Amino acid sequence: MLTLHENIALLEFDDAMTLHEVMAATILEQHLVEQISDTAVVVDHRTLAALLQNLKRKGYTPKVSGLDGG
């Protein structure tokens, strides 16, 4: 079943192990809307800036899509 979300951003990680590590070591799980694959999650765009700052501080740089048509 297809689930549509508005005002979201997609974060993609290189592999499943990295996403698992990020979920355990950062605040990502608190901002999660849905995990859509073993390497990708959907998060609320309103908390994206703080989330990305936290991830970057811990050395994680996921690919981000969904902002400004990105």
C-alpha atoms as a PDB file:
ATOM      1  CA  MET A   1       0.000   0.000   0.000  1.00  0.00           C
ATOM      2  CA  LEU A   2       1.280   3.445  -0.925  1.00  0.00           C
ATOM      3  CA  THR A   3       1.472   6.045   1.845  1.00  0.00           C
ATOM      4  CA  LEU A   4       1.656   9.712   0.860  1.00  0.00           C
ATOM      5  CA  HIS A   5       3.310  12.245   3.146  1.00  0.00           C
ATOM      6  CA  GLU A   6       3.569  16.018   2.860  1.00  0.00           C
ATOM      7  CA  ASN A   7       6.318  18.294   4.152  1.00  0.00           C
ATOM      8  CA  ILE A   8       8.895  15.561   4.409  1.00  0.00           C
ATOM      9  CA  ALA A   9      12.496  14.950   3.467  1.00  0.00           C
ATOM     10  CA  LEU A  10      14.137  11.704   2.430  1.00  0.00           C
ATOM     11  CA  LEU A  11      17.454  10.716   3.986  1.00  0.00           C
ATOM     12  CA  GLU A  12      19.437   8.007   2.224  1.00  0.00           C
ATOM     13  CA  PHE A  13      22.432   6.243   3.721  1.00  0.00           C
ATOM     14  CA  ASP A  14      25.146   4.233   1.956  1.00  0.00           C
ATOM     15  CA  ASP A  15      24.131   0.904   3.451  1.00  0.00           C
ATOM     16  CA  ALA A  16      21.823  -0.757   5.967  1.00  0.00           C
ATOM     17  CA  MET A  17      24.538  -1.033   8.609  1.00  0.00           C
ATOM     18  CA  THR A  18      25.125   2.721   8.533  1.00  0.00           C
ATOM     19  CA  LEU A  19      21.423   3.477   8.929  1.00  0.00           C
ATOM     20  CA  HIS A  20      21.196   1.030  11.824  1.00  0.00           C
ATOM     21  CA  GLU A  21      24.209   2.697  13.469  1.00  0.00           C
ATOM     22  CA  VAL A  22      22.781   6.181  12.935  1.00  0.00           C
ATOM     23  CA  MET A  23      19.427   5.161  14.452  1.00  0.00           C
ATOM     24  CA  ALA A  24      21.229   3.915  17.568  1.00  0.00           C
ATOM     25  CA  ALA A  25      23.756   6.745  17.935  1.00  0.00           C
ATOM     26  CA  THR A  26      21.801   9.904  17.041  1.00  0.00           C
ATOM     27  CA  ILE A  27      18.430  11.620  17.414  1.00  0.00           C
ATOM     28  CA  LEU A  28      17.231  10.313  14.028  1.00  0.00           C
ATOM     29  CA  GLU A  29      14.691   7.896  15.495  1.00  0.00           C
ATOM     30  CA  GLN A  30      12.960  10.795  17.310  1.00  0.00           C
ATOM     31  CA  HIS A  31      12.370  12.536  13.953  1.00  0.00           C
ATOM     32  CA  LEU A  32      11.383   9.490  11.941  1.00  0.00           C
ATOM     33  CA  VAL A  33       8.137   9.558   9.969  1.00  0.00           C
ATOM     34  CA  GLU A  34       8.734   6.225   8.258  1.00  0.00           C
ATOM     35  CA  GLN A  35      11.580   3.908   7.330  1.00  0.00           C
ATOM     36  CA  ILE A  36      10.971   3.085   3.673  1.00  0.00           C
ATOM     37  CA  SER A  37      13.885   0.747   2.996  1.00  0.00           C
ATOM     38  CA  ASP A  38      16.943  -0.663   4.698  1.00  0.00           C
ATOM     39  CA  THR A  39      18.895   2.461   3.674  1.00  0.00           C
ATOM     40  CA  ALA A  40      16.270   5.248   3.549  1.00  0.00           C
ATOM     41  CA  VAL A  41      14.007   7.078   5.958  1.00  0.00           C
ATOM     42  CA  VAL A  42      11.438   9.848   5.745  1.00  0.00           C
ATOM     43  CA  VAL A  43      11.644  12.682   8.286  1.00  0.00           C
ATOM     44  CA  ASP A  44       9.586  15.806   8.970  1.00  0.00           C
ATOM     45  CA  HIS A  45      11.121  18.725   7.088  1.00  0.00           C
ATOM     46  CA  ARG A  46      10.422  21.091  10.016  1.00  0.00           C
ATOM     47  CA  THR A  47      13.035  19.330  12.153  1.00  0.00           C
ATOM     48  CA  LEU A  48      15.468  18.616   9.331  1.00  0.00           C
ATOM     49  CA  ALA A  49      17.964  21.417  10.042  1.00  0.00           C
ATOM     50  CA  ALA A  50      18.467  20.373  13.675  1.00  0.00           C
ATOM     51  CA  LEU A  51      18.599  16.709  12.688  1.00  0.00           C
ATOM     52  CA  LEU A  52      21.209  17.271   9.970  1.00  0.00           C
ATOM     53  CA  GLN A  53      23.296  19.374  12.351  1.00  0.00           C
ATOM     54  CA  ASN A  54      23.237  16.511  14.874  1.00  0.00           C
ATOM     55  CA  LEU A  55      24.127  13.942  12.215  1.00  0.00           C
ATOM     56  CA  LYS A  56      26.975  16.065  10.838  1.00  0.00           C
ATOM     57  CA  ARG A  57      28.382  16.646  14.326  1.00  0.00           C
ATOM     58  CA  LYS A  58      28.547  12.848  14.723  1.00  0.00           C
ATOM     59  CA  GLY A  59      30.146  12.350  11.293  1.00  0.00           C
ATOM     60  CA  TYR A  60      27.125  11.219   9.243  1.00  0.00           C
ATOM     61  CA  THR A  61      26.236  12.841   5.928  1.00  0.00           C
ATOM     62  CA  PRO A  62      23.214  11.213   4.307  1.00  0.00           C
ATOM     63  CA  LYS A  63      21.920  12.162   0.894  1.00  0.00           C
ATOM     64  CA  VAL A  64      18.936  14.500   1.413  1.00  0.00           C
ATOM     65  CA  SER A  65      16.032  14.778  -1.039  1.00  0.00           C
ATOM     66  CA  GLY A  66      12.665  16.450  -0.947  1.00  0.00           C
ATOM     67  CA  LEU A  67      13.480  20.052  -0.195  1.00  0.00           C
ATOM     68  CA  ASP A  68      12.854  22.650  -2.905  1.00  0.00           C
ATOM     69  CA  GLY A  69      12.164  19.877  -5.377  1.00  0.00           C
ATOM     70  CA  GLY A  70      15.486  18.176  -4.618  1.00  0.00           C
END
